[in-house]
C-alpha atoms as a PDB file:
ATOM      1  CA  MET A   1       1.095  10.578  17.772  1.00  0.00           C
ATOM      2  CA  SER A   2      -0.492   7.814  19.769  1.00  0.00           C
ATOM      3  CA  ARG A   3       1.326   4.539  20.349  1.00  0.00           C
ATOM      4  CA  GLY A   4      -1.093   2.863  17.934  1.00  0.00           C
ATOM      5  CA  GLN A   5      -0.285   5.387  15.223  1.00  0.00           C
ATOM      6  CA  GLN A   6       3.449   4.900  15.803  1.00  0.00           C
ATOM      7  CA  ILE A   7       3.087   1.137  15.422  1.00  0.00           C
ATOM      8  CA  GLY A   8       0.906   1.657  12.340  1.00  0.00           C
ATOM      9  CA  VAL A   9       3.479   3.942  10.716  1.00  0.00           C
ATOM     10  CA  LEU A  10       6.245   1.422  11.324  1.00  0.00           C
ATOM     11  CA  ALA A  11       4.138  -1.453   9.971  1.00  0.00           C
ATOM     12  CA  ILE A  12       3.153   0.498   6.852  1.00  0.00           C
ATOM     13  CA  ALA A  13       6.731   1.644   6.269  1.00  0.00           C
ATOM     14  CA  ALA A  14       8.023  -1.935   6.596  1.00  0.00           C
ATOM     15  CA  LEU A  15       5.356  -3.225   4.204  1.00  0.00           C
ATOM     16  CA  PHE A  16       6.019  -0.625   1.519  1.00  0.00           C
ATOM     17  CA  LEU A  17       9.792  -0.773   1.944  1.00  0.00           C
ATOM     18  CA  THR A  18       9.707  -4.543   1.412  1.00  0.00           C
ATOM     19  CA  SER A  19       7.265  -4.295  -1.476  1.00  0.00           C
ATOM     20  CA  GLY A  20       9.214  -1.475  -3.114  1.00  0.00           C
ATOM     21  CA  ILE A  21      12.445  -3.486  -3.004  1.00  0.00           C
ATOM     22  CA  CYS A  22      10.602  -6.510  -4.402  1.00  0.00           C
ATOM     23  CA  HIS A  23       9.450  -4.438  -7.386  1.00  0.00           C
ATOM     24  CA  PHE A  24      13.115  -4.337  -8.448  1.00  0.00           C
ATOM     25  CA  LEU A  25      14.167  -7.824  -7.355  1.00  0.00           C
ATOM     26  CA  LEU A  26      11.049  -9.638  -8.627  1.00  0.00           C
ATOM     27  CA  THR A  27      10.091  -7.427 -11.564  1.00  0.00           C
ATOM     28  CA  PRO A  28       8.767 -10.292 -13.764  1.00  0.00           C
ATOM     29  CA  PHE A  29       6.303 -11.292 -11.023  1.00  0.00           C
ATOM     30  CA  PHE A  30       4.898  -7.763 -10.744  1.00  0.00           C
ATOM     31  CA  VAL A  31       4.755  -7.376 -14.538  1.00  0.00           C
ATOM     32  CA  ALA A  32       2.802 -10.652 -14.748  1.00  0.00           C
ATOM     33  CA  ILE A  33       0.071  -9.513 -12.340  1.00  0.00           C
ATOM     34  CA  MET A  34      -0.659  -6.315 -14.246  1.00  0.00           C
ATOM     35  CA  PRO A  35      -3.973  -6.357 -16.095  1.00  0.00           C
ATOM     36  CA  PRO A  36      -3.437  -6.644 -19.861  1.00  0.00           C
ATOM     37  CA  TYR A  37      -5.462  -3.496 -20.543  1.00  0.00           C
ATOM     38  CA  LEU A  38      -2.941  -1.305 -18.686  1.00  0.00           C
ATOM     39  CA  PRO A  39       0.025  -0.006 -20.702  1.00  0.00           C
ATOM     40  CA  TRP A  40       3.762   0.076 -19.942  1.00  0.00           C
ATOM     41  CA  HIS A  41       3.857  -2.808 -17.485  1.00  0.00           C
ATOM     42  CA  ARG A  42       7.601  -2.785 -16.735  1.00  0.00           C
ATOM     43  CA  ALA A  43       7.745   1.012 -16.411  1.00  0.00           C
ATOM     44  CA  ALA A  44       4.678   1.004 -14.137  1.00  0.00           C
ATOM     45  CA  VAL A  45       6.295  -1.626 -11.900  1.00  0.00           C
ATOM     46  CA  TYR A  46       9.478   0.436 -11.589  1.00  0.00           C
ATOM     47  CA  VAL A  47       7.633   3.710 -10.998  1.00  0.00           C
ATOM     48  CA  SER A  48       5.363   2.180  -8.369  1.00  0.00           C
ATOM     49  CA  GLY A  49       8.423   0.611  -6.709  1.00  0.00           C
ATOM     50  CA  VAL A  50      10.109   4.012  -6.487  1.00  0.00           C
ATOM     51  CA  PHE A  51       6.966   5.569  -5.024  1.00  0.00           C
ATOM     52  CA  GLU A  52       6.614   2.743  -2.496  1.00  0.00           C
ATOM     53  CA  LEU A  53      10.215   3.238  -1.346  1.00  0.00           C
ATOM     54  CA  ALA A  54       9.861   7.030  -1.189  1.00  0.00           C
ATOM     55  CA  GLY A  55       6.567   6.728   0.688  1.00  0.00           C
ATOM     56  CA  ALA A  56       7.999   4.263   3.192  1.00  0.00           C
ATOM     57  CA  LEU A  57      10.936   6.538   3.940  1.00  0.00           C
ATOM     58  CA  GLY A  58       8.694   9.622   4.035  1.00  0.00           C
ATOM     59  CA  LEU A  59       6.516   8.010   6.698  1.00  0.00           C
ATOM     60  CA  LEU A  60       9.478   7.798   9.039  1.00  0.00           C
ATOM     61  CA  MET A  61       9.957  11.576   9.209  1.00  0.00           C
ATOM     62  CA  ALA A  62       7.335  13.647  11.000  1.00  0.00           C
ATOM     63  CA  ARG A  63       7.762  16.513   8.558  1.00  0.00           C
ATOM     64  CA  THR A  64       6.871  14.380   5.509  1.00  0.00           C
ATOM     65  CA  ARG A  65       4.620  11.761   7.135  1.00  0.00           C
ATOM     66  CA  ARG A  66       1.262  13.177   6.049  1.00  0.00           C
ATOM     67  CA  ALA A  67       2.375  13.781   2.437  1.00  0.00           C
ATOM     68  CA  ALA A  68       3.874  10.293   2.294  1.00  0.00           C
ATOM     69  CA  GLY A  69       0.667   8.857   3.748  1.00  0.00           C
ATOM     70  CA  LEU A  70      -1.431  10.634   1.141  1.00  0.00           C
ATOM     71  CA  GLY A  71       0.867   9.370  -1.608  1.00  0.00           C
ATOM     72  CA  LEU A  72       0.746   5.782  -0.366  1.00  0.00           C
ATOM     73  CA  PHE A  73      -3.034   6.000   0.047  1.00  0.00           C
ATOM     74  CA  LEU A  74      -3.359   7.098  -3.590  1.00  0.00           C
ATOM     75  CA  LEU A  75      -0.849   4.493  -4.779  1.00  0.00           C
ATOM     76  CA  THR A  76      -2.782   1.770  -2.953  1.00  0.00           C
ATOM     77  CA  ILE A  77      -5.942   2.844  -4.769  1.00  0.00           C
ATOM     78  CA  LEU A  78      -4.093   2.902  -8.093  1.00  0.00           C
ATOM     79  CA  VAL A  79      -2.940  -0.714  -7.745  1.00  0.00           C
ATOM     80  CA  THR A  80      -6.501  -1.887  -7.142  1.00  0.00           C
ATOM     81  CA  PRO A  81      -7.008  -2.906 -10.798  1.00  0.00           C
ATOM     82  CA  ALA A  82      -4.201  -5.477 -10.469  1.00  0.00           C
ATOM     83  CA  ASN A  83      -5.763  -6.940  -7.317  1.00  0.00           C
ATOM     84  CA  VAL A  84      -9.235  -7.036  -8.874  1.00  0.00           C
ATOM     85  CA  HIS A  85      -7.820  -8.600 -12.064  1.00  0.00           C
ATOM     86  CA  MET A  86      -6.134 -11.322 -10.030  1.00  0.00           C
ATOM     87  CA  ALA A  87      -9.321 -12.029  -8.051  1.00  0.00           C
ATOM     88  CA  LEU A  88     -11.406 -12.222 -11.236  1.00  0.00           C
ATOM     89  CA  HIS A  89      -8.908 -14.446 -13.071  1.00  0.00           C
ATOM     90  CA  PRO A  90      -7.488 -16.853 -10.481  1.00  0.00           C
ATOM     91  CA  GLU A  91      -6.725 -19.368 -13.232  1.00  0.00           C
ATOM     92  CA  LEU A  92      -3.942 -17.047 -14.416  1.00  0.00           C
ATOM     93  CA  TYR A  93      -2.261 -17.186 -10.993  1.00  0.00           C
ATOM     94  CA  PRO A  94      -2.001 -20.859  -9.988  1.00  0.00           C
ATOM     95  CA  ALA A  95       0.639 -20.047  -7.368  1.00  0.00           C
ATOM     96  CA  PHE A  96      -2.099 -18.360  -5.292  1.00  0.00           C
ATOM     97  CA  SER A  97      -5.279 -19.847  -3.903  1.00  0.00           C
ATOM     98  CA  GLU A  98      -8.526 -18.301  -5.067  1.00  0.00           C
ATOM     99  CA  THR A  99      -9.295 -17.481  -1.439  1.00  0.00           C
ATOM    100  CA  ALA A 100      -6.008 -15.591  -1.034  1.00  0.00           C
ATOM    101  CA  LEU A 101      -6.685 -13.585  -4.186  1.00  0.00           C
ATOM    102  CA  ILE A 102     -10.155 -12.627  -2.979  1.00  0.00           C
ATOM    103  CA  LEU A 103      -8.924 -11.778   0.533  1.00  0.00           C
ATOM    104  CA  ARG A 104      -6.434  -9.307  -0.942  1.00  0.00           C
ATOM    105  CA  LEU A 105      -9.334  -6.930  -1.632  1.00  0.00           C
ATOM    106  CA  PRO A 106     -10.564  -6.510   1.966  1.00  0.00           C
ATOM    107  CA  ALA A 107      -6.912  -6.536   3.088  1.00  0.00           C
ATOM    108  CA  GLN A 108      -6.328  -3.611   0.760  1.00  0.00           C
ATOM    109  CA  ALA A 109      -9.280  -1.774   2.315  1.00  0.00           C
ATOM    110  CA  MET A 110      -7.819  -2.426   5.773  1.00  0.00           C
ATOM    111  CA  LEU A 111      -4.437  -1.112   4.580  1.00  0.00           C
ATOM    112  CA  LEU A 112      -6.129   2.078   3.371  1.00  0.00           C
ATOM    113  CA  ALA A 113      -7.775   2.493   6.774  1.00  0.00           C
ATOM    114  CA  LEU A 114      -4.445   1.946   8.536  1.00  0.00           C
ATOM    115  CA  ILE A 115      -2.660   4.466   6.300  1.00  0.00           C
ATOM    116  CA  TYR A 116      -5.370   7.014   7.061  1.00  0.00           C
ATOM    117  CA  TYR A 117      -5.289   6.337  10.813  1.00  0.00           C
ATOM    118  CA  ALA A 118      -1.522   6.310  11.189  1.00  0.00           C
ATOM    119  CA  ALA A 119      -0.321   8.889   8.696  1.00  0.00           C
ATOM    120  CA  ILE A 120      -3.070  11.112   7.302  1.00  0.00           C
ATOM    121  CA  ARG A 121      -5.586  11.755  10.050  1.00  0.00           C
ATOM    122  CA  PRO A 122      -4.903  14.885  12.073  1.00  0.00           C
ATOM    123  CA  PRO A 123      -3.452  13.875  15.466  1.00  0.00           C
ATOM    124  CA  HIS A 124      -6.350  15.409  17.394  1.00  0.00           C
ATOM    125  CA  GLU A 125      -9.096  13.751  15.312  1.00  0.00           C
ATOM    126  CA  GLY A 126     -10.892  11.138  17.355  1.00  0.00           C
ATOM    127  CA  ALA A 127      -9.188  12.187  20.567  1.00  0.00           C
ATOM    128  CA  VAL A 128     -11.250  12.113  23.705  1.00  0.00           C
ATOM    129  CA  PRO A 129     -11.583  15.635  25.113  1.00  0.00           C
ATOM    130  CA  ARG A 130     -10.304  16.177  28.629  1.00  0.00           C
ATOM    131  CA  SER A 131     -12.770  17.235  31.272  1.00  0.00           C
ATOM    132  CA  THR A 132     -11.767  20.295  33.258  1.00  0.00           C
END
């Protein structure tokens, strides 16, 4: 792994570890941001929290890093409806500025790119070949 990938893995692991813990400590907040058309809000918050914690820990071990990266990539896509819902209905979330809610969407795209770069992409992909 390159130094950049190592830093990326640590940053992603820290983000998902923190977020996963928050799913259990701040459950009402996460339940409140779920779109009303999705079922089982509390259960979904707990399940996603477990997957965030498992993914964060899986990133830290070389043997499970790619699988954890794939899982966190998918999980990040699956939470997109909550981020879109918040951006479309800022009046429901007065604690956040409308700008912050909108910026979450490109930030999510950047997180997906970082997960791919640091944890999913084969180590040789994008490497500059050596001249002999």
